[in-house]
């Protein structure tokens, strides 16, 4: 049960990262700008950890990909530990 809750929370956070990244590709205004600001305040602290390790390569920032992979690996490890 705990593993299921952790999995759901992590999946939701991954979708927030994806939404944030997709929104960053397009010019935004109005209500979408506010949504982007909220997503930024939620997602940026986590992504910045990886940006310090993996700097952007020109216009390409792969830190969200690495961040999502780390979340998925940690979720699998936690699931294995909780299942004993």
PDB file of N, CA and C in Angstrom:
ATOM      1  N   UNK A   1       0.826  -1.192   0.000  1.00  0.00           N
ATOM      2  CA  UNK A   1       0.000   0.000   0.000  1.00  0.00           C
ATOM      3  C   UNK A   1       0.873   1.260   0.000  1.00  0.00           C
ATOM      4  N   UNK A   2       1.876   1.315   0.851  1.00  0.00           N
ATOM      5  CA  UNK A   2       2.759   2.484   0.896  1.00  0.00           C
ATOM      6  C   UNK A   2       3.498   2.624  -0.429  1.00  0.00           C
ATOM      7  N   UNK A   3       3.940   1.496  -0.986  1.00  0.00           N
ATOM      8  CA  UNK A   3       4.639   1.531  -2.272  1.00  0.00           C
ATOM      9  C   UNK A   3       3.728   2.078  -3.357  1.00  0.00           C
ATOM     10  N   UNK A   4       2.470   1.736  -3.309  1.00  0.00           N
ATOM     11  CA  UNK A   4       1.506   2.230  -4.294  1.00  0.00           C
ATOM     12  C   UNK A   4       1.327   3.740  -4.191  1.00  0.00           C
ATOM     13  N   UNK A   5       1.251   4.244  -2.984  1.00  0.00           N
ATOM     14  CA  UNK A   5       1.104   5.694  -2.778  1.00  0.00           C
ATOM     15  C   UNK A   5       2.349   6.426  -3.267  1.00  0.00           C
ATOM     16  N   UNK A   6       3.511   5.895  -2.933  1.00  0.00           N
ATOM     17  CA  UNK A   6       4.764   6.506  -3.392  1.00  0.00           C
ATOM     18  C   UNK A   6       4.816   6.505  -4.911  1.00  0.00           C
ATOM     19  N   UNK A   7       4.442   5.385  -5.510  1.00  0.00           N
ATOM     20  CA  UNK A   7       4.443   5.287  -6.963  1.00  0.00           C
ATOM     21  C   UNK A   7       3.524   6.341  -7.582  1.00  0.00           C
ATOM     22  N   UNK A   8       2.321   6.508  -7.036  1.00  0.00           N
ATOM     23  CA  UNK A   8       1.367   7.484  -7.577  1.00  0.00           C
ATOM     24  C   UNK A   8       1.888   8.913  -7.450  1.00  0.00           C
ATOM     25  N   UNK A   9       2.486   9.237  -6.321  1.00  0.00           N
ATOM     26  CA  UNK A   9       3.027  10.587  -6.109  1.00  0.00           C
ATOM     27  C   UNK A   9       4.172  10.856  -7.084  1.00  0.00           C
ATOM     28  N   UNK A  10       5.052   9.878  -7.248  1.00  0.00           N
ATOM     29  CA  UNK A  10       6.182  10.044  -8.164  1.00  0.00           C
ATOM     30  C   UNK A  10       5.680  10.168  -9.601  1.00  0.00           C
ATOM     31  N   UNK A  11       4.705   9.377  -9.978  1.00  0.00           N
ATOM     32  CA  UNK A  11       4.151   9.477 -11.334  1.00  0.00           C
ATOM     33  C   UNK A  11       3.533  10.855 -11.575  1.00  0.00           C
ATOM     34  N   UNK A  12       2.838  11.374 -10.590  1.00  0.00           N
ATOM     35  CA  UNK A  12       2.256  12.709 -10.708  1.00  0.00           C
ATOM     36  C   UNK A  12       3.354  13.760 -10.871  1.00  0.00           C
ATOM     37  N   UNK A  13       4.417  13.641 -10.105  1.00  0.00           N
ATOM     38  CA  UNK A  13       5.532  14.589 -10.195  1.00  0.00           C
ATOM     39  C   UNK A  13       6.217  14.497 -11.552  1.00  0.00           C
ATOM     40  N   UNK A  14       6.337  13.300 -12.088  1.00  0.00           N
ATOM     41  CA  UNK A  14       6.915  13.128 -13.423  1.00  0.00           C
ATOM     42  C   UNK A  14       6.057  13.850 -14.459  1.00  0.00           C
ATOM     43  N   UNK A  15       4.742  13.735 -14.336  1.00  0.00           N
ATOM     44  CA  UNK A  15       3.857  14.442 -15.268  1.00  0.00           C
ATOM     45  C   UNK A  15       3.981  15.956 -15.112  1.00  0.00           C
ATOM     46  N   UNK A  16       4.220  16.433 -13.907  1.00  0.00           N
ATOM     47  CA  UNK A  16       4.455  17.863 -13.711  1.00  0.00           C
ATOM     48  C   UNK A  16       5.728  18.302 -14.431  1.00  0.00           C
ATOM     49  N   UNK A  17       6.777  17.492 -14.345  1.00  0.00           N
ATOM     50  CA  UNK A  17       8.028  17.805 -15.042  1.00  0.00           C
ATOM     51  C   UNK A  17       7.790  17.848 -16.551  1.00  0.00           C
ATOM     52  N   UNK A  18       7.086  16.861 -17.064  1.00  0.00           N
ATOM     53  CA  UNK A  18       6.807  16.816 -18.503  1.00  0.00           C
ATOM     54  C   UNK A  18       6.003  18.035 -18.941  1.00  0.00           C
ATOM     55  N   UNK A  19       4.979  18.393 -18.183  1.00  0.00           N
ATOM     56  CA  UNK A  19       4.162  19.571 -18.521  1.00  0.00           C
ATOM     57  C   UNK A  19       5.013  20.830 -18.502  1.00  0.00           C
ATOM     58  N   UNK A  20       5.880  20.947 -17.516  1.00  0.00           N
ATOM     59  CA  UNK A  20       6.753  22.115 -17.402  1.00  0.00           C
ATOM     60  C   UNK A  20       7.691  22.217 -18.603  1.00  0.00           C
ATOM     61  N   UNK A  21       8.285  21.103 -18.981  1.00  0.00           N
ATOM     62  CA  UNK A  21       9.201  21.091 -20.117  1.00  0.00           C
ATOM     63  C   UNK A  21       8.458  21.446 -21.404  1.00  0.00           C
ATOM     64  N   UNK A  22       7.294  20.847 -21.620  1.00  0.00           N
ATOM     65  CA  UNK A  22       6.528  21.142 -22.833  1.00  0.00           C
ATOM     66  C   UNK A  22       6.119  22.611 -22.895  1.00  0.00           C
ATOM     67  N   UNK A  23       5.727  23.164 -21.760  1.00  0.00           N
ATOM     68  CA  UNK A  23       5.339  24.573 -21.738  1.00  0.00           C
ATOM     69  C   UNK A  23       6.523  25.484 -22.021  1.00  0.00           C
ATOM     70  N   UNK A  24       7.713  25.050 -21.694  1.00  0.00           N
ATOM     71  CA  UNK A  24       8.890  25.894 -21.914  1.00  0.00           C
ATOM     72  C   UNK A  24       9.256  25.986 -23.396  1.00  0.00           C
ATOM     73  N   UNK A  25       8.704  25.125 -24.234  1.00  0.00           N
ATOM     74  CA  UNK A  25       9.012  25.141 -25.654  1.00  0.00           C
ATOM     75  C   UNK A  25       8.223  26.199 -26.424  1.00  0.00           C
ATOM     76  N   UNK A  26       7.155  26.721 -25.836  1.00  0.00           N
ATOM     77  CA  UNK A  26       6.259  27.636 -26.540  1.00  0.00           C
ATOM     78  C   UNK A  26       6.130  28.952 -25.785  1.00  0.00           C
ATOM     79  N   UNK A  27       5.877  30.044 -26.519  1.00  0.00           N
ATOM     80  CA  UNK A  27       5.598  31.301 -25.828  1.00  0.00           C
ATOM     81  C   UNK A  27       4.256  31.195 -25.108  1.00  0.00           C
ATOM     82  N   UNK A  28       4.206  31.660 -23.869  1.00  0.00           N
ATOM     83  CA  UNK A  28       2.978  31.537 -23.091  1.00  0.00           C
ATOM     84  C   UNK A  28       2.597  32.888 -22.514  1.00  0.00           C
ATOM     85  N   UNK A  29       1.322  33.056 -22.283  1.00  0.00           N
ATOM     86  CA  UNK A  29       0.827  34.287 -21.663  1.00  0.00           C
ATOM     87  C   UNK A  29      -0.493  33.979 -20.973  1.00  0.00           C
ATOM     88  N   UNK A  30      -0.989  34.956 -20.261  1.00  0.00           N
ATOM     89  CA  UNK A  30      -2.268  34.812 -19.581  1.00  0.00           C
ATOM     90  C   UNK A  30      -2.238  33.777 -18.481  1.00  0.00           C
ATOM     91  N   UNK A  31      -3.272  32.962 -18.444  1.00  0.00           N
ATOM     92  CA  UNK A  31      -3.413  31.959 -17.392  1.00  0.00           C
ATOM     93  C   UNK A  31      -2.311  30.897 -17.494  1.00  0.00           C
ATOM     94  N   UNK A  32      -1.843  30.639 -18.711  1.00  0.00           N
ATOM     95  CA  UNK A  32      -0.780  29.650 -18.884  1.00  0.00           C
ATOM     96  C   UNK A  32       0.533  30.126 -18.264  1.00  0.00           C
ATOM     97  N   UNK A  33       0.740  31.429 -18.236  1.00  0.00           N
ATOM     98  CA  UNK A  33       1.930  31.968 -17.592  1.00  0.00           C
ATOM     99  C   UNK A  33       1.895  31.692 -16.088  1.00  0.00           C
ATOM    100  N   UNK A  34       0.724  31.833 -15.483  1.00  0.00           N
ATOM    101  CA  UNK A  34       0.580  31.530 -14.054  1.00  0.00           C
ATOM    102  C   UNK A  34       0.778  30.039 -13.781  1.00  0.00           C
ATOM    103  N   UNK A  35       0.242  29.202 -14.652  1.00  0.00           N
ATOM    104  CA  UNK A  35       0.433  27.751 -14.502  1.00  0.00           C
ATOM    105  C   UNK A  35       1.917  27.421 -14.605  1.00  0.00           C
ATOM    106  N   UNK A  36       2.602  28.062 -15.559  1.00  0.00           N
ATOM    107  CA  UNK A  36       4.038  27.824 -15.736  1.00  0.00           C
ATOM    108  C   UNK A  36       4.819  28.271 -14.503  1.00  0.00           C
ATOM    109  N   UNK A  37       4.426  29.379 -13.905  1.00  0.00           N
ATOM    110  CA  UNK A  37       5.106  29.852 -12.683  1.00  0.00           C
ATOM    111  C   UNK A  37       4.921  28.882 -11.528  1.00  0.00           C
ATOM    112  N   UNK A  38       3.713  28.347 -11.396  1.00  0.00           N
ATOM    113  CA  UNK A  38       3.451  27.374 -10.327  1.00  0.00           C
ATOM    114  C   UNK A  38       4.269  26.111 -10.571  1.00  0.00           C
ATOM    115  N   UNK A  39       4.250  25.621 -11.807  1.00  0.00           N
ATOM    116  CA  UNK A  39       5.041  24.441 -12.132  1.00  0.00           C
ATOM    117  C   UNK A  39       6.525  24.695 -11.899  1.00  0.00           C
ATOM    118  N   UNK A  40       6.974  25.885 -12.247  1.00  0.00           N
ATOM    119  CA  UNK A  40       8.371  26.239 -12.035  1.00  0.00           C
ATOM    120  C   UNK A  40       8.751  26.168 -10.565  1.00  0.00           C
ATOM    121  N   UNK A  41       7.892  26.674  -9.709  1.00  0.00           N
ATOM    122  CA  UNK A  41       8.200  26.664  -8.278  1.00  0.00           C
ATOM    123  C   UNK A  41       8.206  25.245  -7.706  1.00  0.00           C
ATOM    124  N   UNK A  42       7.503  24.332  -8.346  1.00  0.00           N
ATOM    125  CA  UNK A  42       7.451  22.948  -7.882  1.00  0.00           C
ATOM    126  C   UNK A  42       8.588  22.114  -8.461  1.00  0.00           C
ATOM    127  N   UNK A  43       8.902  22.327  -9.733  1.00  0.00           N
ATOM    128  CA  UNK A  43       9.805  21.450 -10.467  1.00  0.00           C
ATOM    129  C   UNK A  43      11.257  21.941 -10.480  1.00  0.00           C
ATOM    130  N   UNK A  44      11.455  23.237 -10.560  1.00  0.00           N
ATOM    131  CA  UNK A  44      12.812  23.785 -10.704  1.00  0.00           C
ATOM    132  C   UNK A  44      13.780  23.387  -9.583  1.00  0.00           C
ATOM    133  N   UNK A  45      13.374  23.389  -8.315  1.00  0.00           N
ATOM    134  CA  UNK A  45      14.345  22.984  -7.285  1.00  0.00           C
ATOM    135  C   UNK A  45      14.915  21.585  -7.526  1.00  0.00           C
ATOM    136  N   UNK A  46      14.089  20.669  -7.967  1.00  0.00           N
ATOM    137  CA  UNK A  46      14.562  19.309  -8.251  1.00  0.00           C
ATOM    138  C   UNK A  46      15.428  19.288  -9.508  1.00  0.00           C
ATOM    139  N   UNK A  47      14.998  19.976 -10.562  1.00  0.00           N
ATOM    140  CA  UNK A  47      15.772  19.982 -11.804  1.00  0.00           C
ATOM    141  C   UNK A  47      17.118  20.669 -11.637  1.00  0.00           C
ATOM    142  N   UNK A  48      17.182  21.664 -10.788  1.00  0.00           N
ATOM    143  CA  UNK A  48      18.444  22.387 -10.578  1.00  0.00           C
ATOM    144  C   UNK A  48      19.539  21.493 -10.011  1.00  0.00           C
ATOM    145  N   UNK A  49      19.156  20.475  -9.267  1.00  0.00           N
ATOM    146  CA  UNK A  49      20.135  19.507  -8.763  1.00  0.00           C
ATOM    147  C   UNK A  49      20.880  18.882  -9.937  1.00  0.00           C
ATOM    148  N   UNK A  50      20.147  18.514 -10.966  1.00  0.00           N
ATOM    149  CA  UNK A  50      20.743  17.857 -12.120  1.00  0.00           C
ATOM    150  C   UNK A  50      21.415  18.847 -13.064  1.00  0.00           C
ATOM    151  N   UNK A  51      20.932  20.072 -13.099  1.00  0.00           N
ATOM    152  CA  UNK A  51      21.560  21.090 -13.954  1.00  0.00           C
ATOM    153  C   UNK A  51      22.945  21.461 -13.445  1.00  0.00           C
ATOM    154  N   UNK A  52      23.170  21.340 -12.142  1.00  0.00           N
ATOM    155  CA  UNK A  52      24.510  21.582 -11.611  1.00  0.00           C
ATOM    156  C   UNK A  52      25.484  20.500 -12.038  1.00  0.00           C
ATOM    157  N   UNK A  53      24.973  19.291 -12.216  1.00  0.00           N
ATOM    158  CA  UNK A  53      25.810  18.157 -12.613  1.00  0.00           C
ATOM    159  C   UNK A  53      25.933  18.080 -14.138  1.00  0.00           C
ATOM    160  N   UNK A  54      24.819  18.285 -14.837  1.00  0.00           N
ATOM    161  CA  UNK A  54      24.768  18.176 -16.293  1.00  0.00           C
ATOM    162  C   UNK A  54      24.355  19.529 -16.864  1.00  0.00           C
ATOM    163  N   UNK A  55      25.314  20.354 -17.247  1.00  0.00           N
ATOM    164  CA  UNK A  55      24.943  21.664 -17.797  1.00  0.00           C
ATOM    165  C   UNK A  55      24.265  21.515 -19.159  1.00  0.00           C
ATOM    166  N   UNK A  56      23.401  22.465 -19.530  1.00  0.00           N
ATOM    167  CA  UNK A  56      22.752  22.406 -20.852  1.00  0.00           C
ATOM    168  C   UNK A  56      23.789  22.403 -21.975  1.00  0.00           C
ATOM    169  N   UNK A  57      23.507  21.637 -23.009  1.00  0.00           N
ATOM    170  CA  UNK A  57      24.387  21.566 -24.176  1.00  0.00           C
ATOM    171  C   UNK A  57      23.786  22.436 -25.276  1.00  0.00           C
ATOM    172  N   UNK A  58      24.173  23.706 -25.289  1.00  0.00           N
ATOM    173  CA  UNK A  58      23.576  24.647 -26.236  1.00  0.00           C
ATOM    174  C   UNK A  58      22.130  24.879 -25.853  1.00  0.00           C
ATOM    175  N   UNK A  59      21.234  24.620 -26.787  1.00  0.00           N
ATOM    176  CA  UNK A  59      19.805  24.794 -26.520  1.00  0.00           C
ATOM    177  C   UNK A  59      19.164  23.532 -25.948  1.00  0.00           C
ATOM    178  N   UNK A  60      19.942  22.474 -25.810  1.00  0.00           N
ATOM    179  CA  UNK A  60      19.414  21.194 -25.344  1.00  0.00           C
ATOM    180  C   UNK A  60      19.720  20.997 -23.860  1.00  0.00           C
ATOM    181  N   UNK A  61      18.667  20.825 -23.077  1.00  0.00           N
ATOM    182  CA  UNK A  61      18.801  20.577 -21.646  1.00  0.00           C
ATOM    183  C   UNK A  61      18.281  19.175 -21.359  1.00  0.00           C
ATOM    184  N   UNK A  62      19.179  18.255 -21.055  1.00  0.00           N
ATOM    185  CA  UNK A  62      18.760  16.870 -20.808  1.00  0.00           C
ATOM    186  C   UNK A  62      18.518  16.587 -19.327  1.00  0.00           C
ATOM    187  N   UNK A  63      18.643  17.605 -18.493  1.00  0.00           N
ATOM    188  CA  UNK A  63      18.444  17.382 -17.059  1.00  0.00           C
ATOM    189  C   UNK A  63      17.045  16.860 -16.720  1.00  0.00           C
ATOM    190  N   UNK A  64      15.965  17.273 -17.399  1.00  0.00           N
ATOM    191  CA  UNK A  64      14.668  16.672 -17.079  1.00  0.00           C
ATOM    192  C   UNK A  64      14.612  15.173 -17.363  1.00  0.00           C
ATOM    193  N   UNK A  65      15.289  14.743 -18.413  1.00  0.00           N
ATOM    194  CA  UNK A  65      15.310  13.311 -18.741  1.00  0.00           C
ATOM    195  C   UNK A  65      16.022  12.539 -17.643  1.00  0.00           C
ATOM    196  N   UNK A  66      17.164  13.035 -17.225  1.00  0.00           N
ATOM    197  CA  UNK A  66      17.924  12.379 -16.159  1.00  0.00           C
ATOM    198  C   UNK A  66      17.129  12.412 -14.853  1.00  0.00           C
ATOM    199  N   UNK A  67      16.486  13.536 -14.572  1.00  0.00           N
ATOM    200  CA  UNK A  67      15.694  13.666 -13.343  1.00  0.00           C
ATOM    201  C   UNK A  67      14.550  12.654 -13.311  1.00  0.00           C
ATOM    202  N   UNK A  68      13.887  12.466 -14.438  1.00  0.00           N
ATOM    203  CA  UNK A  68      12.788  11.494 -14.511  1.00  0.00           C
ATOM    204  C   UNK A  68      13.326  10.074 -14.352  1.00  0.00           C
ATOM    205  N   UNK A  69      14.437   9.778 -14.993  1.00  0.00           N
ATOM    206  CA  UNK A  69      15.029   8.441 -14.856  1.00  0.00           C
ATOM    207  C   UNK A  69      15.413   8.145 -13.407  1.00  0.00           C
ATOM    208  N   UNK A  70      15.981   9.129 -12.720  1.00  0.00           N
ATOM    209  CA  UNK A  70      16.352   8.940 -11.316  1.00  0.00           C
ATOM    210  C   UNK A  70      15.099   8.687 -10.471  1.00  0.00           C
ATOM    211  N   UNK A  71      14.044   9.432 -10.714  1.00  0.00           N
ATOM    212  CA  UNK A  71      12.794   9.207  -9.971  1.00  0.00           C
ATOM    213  C   UNK A  71      12.261   7.795 -10.200  1.00  0.00           C
ATOM    214  N   UNK A  72      12.320   7.334 -11.437  1.00  0.00           N
ATOM    215  CA  UNK A  72      11.823   5.995 -11.728  1.00  0.00           C
ATOM    216  C   UNK A  72      12.681   4.909 -11.073  1.00  0.00           C
ATOM    217  N   UNK A  73      13.979   5.095 -11.091  1.00  0.00           N
ATOM    218  CA  UNK A  73      14.865   4.120 -10.445  1.00  0.00           C
ATOM    219  C   UNK A  73      14.635   4.104  -8.935  1.00  0.00           C
ATOM    220  N   UNK A  74      14.546   5.278  -8.334  1.00  0.00           N
ATOM    221  CA  UNK A  74      14.294   5.341  -6.887  1.00  0.00           C
ATOM    222  C   UNK A  74      12.946   4.712  -6.525  1.00  0.00           C
ATOM    223  N   UNK A  75      11.949   4.921  -7.367  1.00  0.00           N
ATOM    224  CA  UNK A  75      10.640   4.314  -7.123  1.00  0.00           C
ATOM    225  C   UNK A  75      10.743   2.790  -7.136  1.00  0.00           C
ATOM    226  N   UNK A  76      11.493   2.257  -8.086  1.00  0.00           N
ATOM    227  CA  UNK A  76      11.665   0.809  -8.162  1.00  0.00           C
ATOM    228  C   UNK A  76      12.420   0.265  -6.963  1.00  0.00           C
ATOM    229  N   UNK A  77      13.436   0.989  -6.533  1.00  0.00           N
ATOM    230  CA  UNK A  77      14.207   0.557  -5.357  1.00  0.00           C
ATOM    231  C   UNK A  77      13.326   0.575  -4.114  1.00  0.00           C
ATOM    232  N   UNK A  78      12.571   1.636  -3.933  1.00  0.00           N
ATOM    233  CA  UNK A  78      11.679   1.733  -2.765  1.00  0.00           C
ATOM    234  C   UNK A  78      10.635   0.625  -2.810  1.00  0.00           C
ATOM    235  N   UNK A  79      10.095   0.351  -3.989  1.00  0.00           N
ATOM    236  CA  UNK A  79       9.103  -0.714  -4.110  1.00  0.00           C
ATOM    237  C   UNK A  79       9.697  -2.062  -3.727  1.00  0.00           C
ATOM    238  N   UNK A  80      10.920  -2.318  -4.131  1.00  0.00           N
ATOM    239  CA  UNK A  80      11.576  -3.581  -3.781  1.00  0.00           C
ATOM    240  C   UNK A  80      11.846  -3.682  -2.284  1.00  0.00           C
ATOM    241  N   UNK A  81      12.262  -2.596  -1.684  1.00  0.00           N
ATOM    242  CA  UNK A  81      12.556  -2.601  -0.246  1.00  0.00           C
ATOM    243  C   UNK A  81      11.278  -2.802   0.564  1.00  0.00           C
ATOM    244  N   UNK A  82      10.194  -2.147   0.168  1.00  0.00           N
ATOM    245  CA  UNK A  82       8.949  -2.266   0.916  1.00  0.00           C
ATOM    246  C   UNK A  82       8.287  -3.618   0.747  1.00  0.00           C
ATOM    247  N   UNK A  83       8.599  -4.306  -0.336  1.00  0.00           N
ATOM    248  CA  UNK A  83       8.044  -5.650  -0.546  1.00  0.00           C
ATOM    249  C   UNK A  83       8.837  -6.719   0.197  1.00  0.00           C
ATOM    250  N   UNK A  84      10.043  -6.355   0.597  1.00  0.00           N
ATOM    251  CA  UNK A  84      10.974  -7.251   1.271  1.00  0.00           C
ATOM    252  C   UNK A  84      11.296  -8.351   0.329  1.00  0.00           C
TER     253      UNK A  84
END
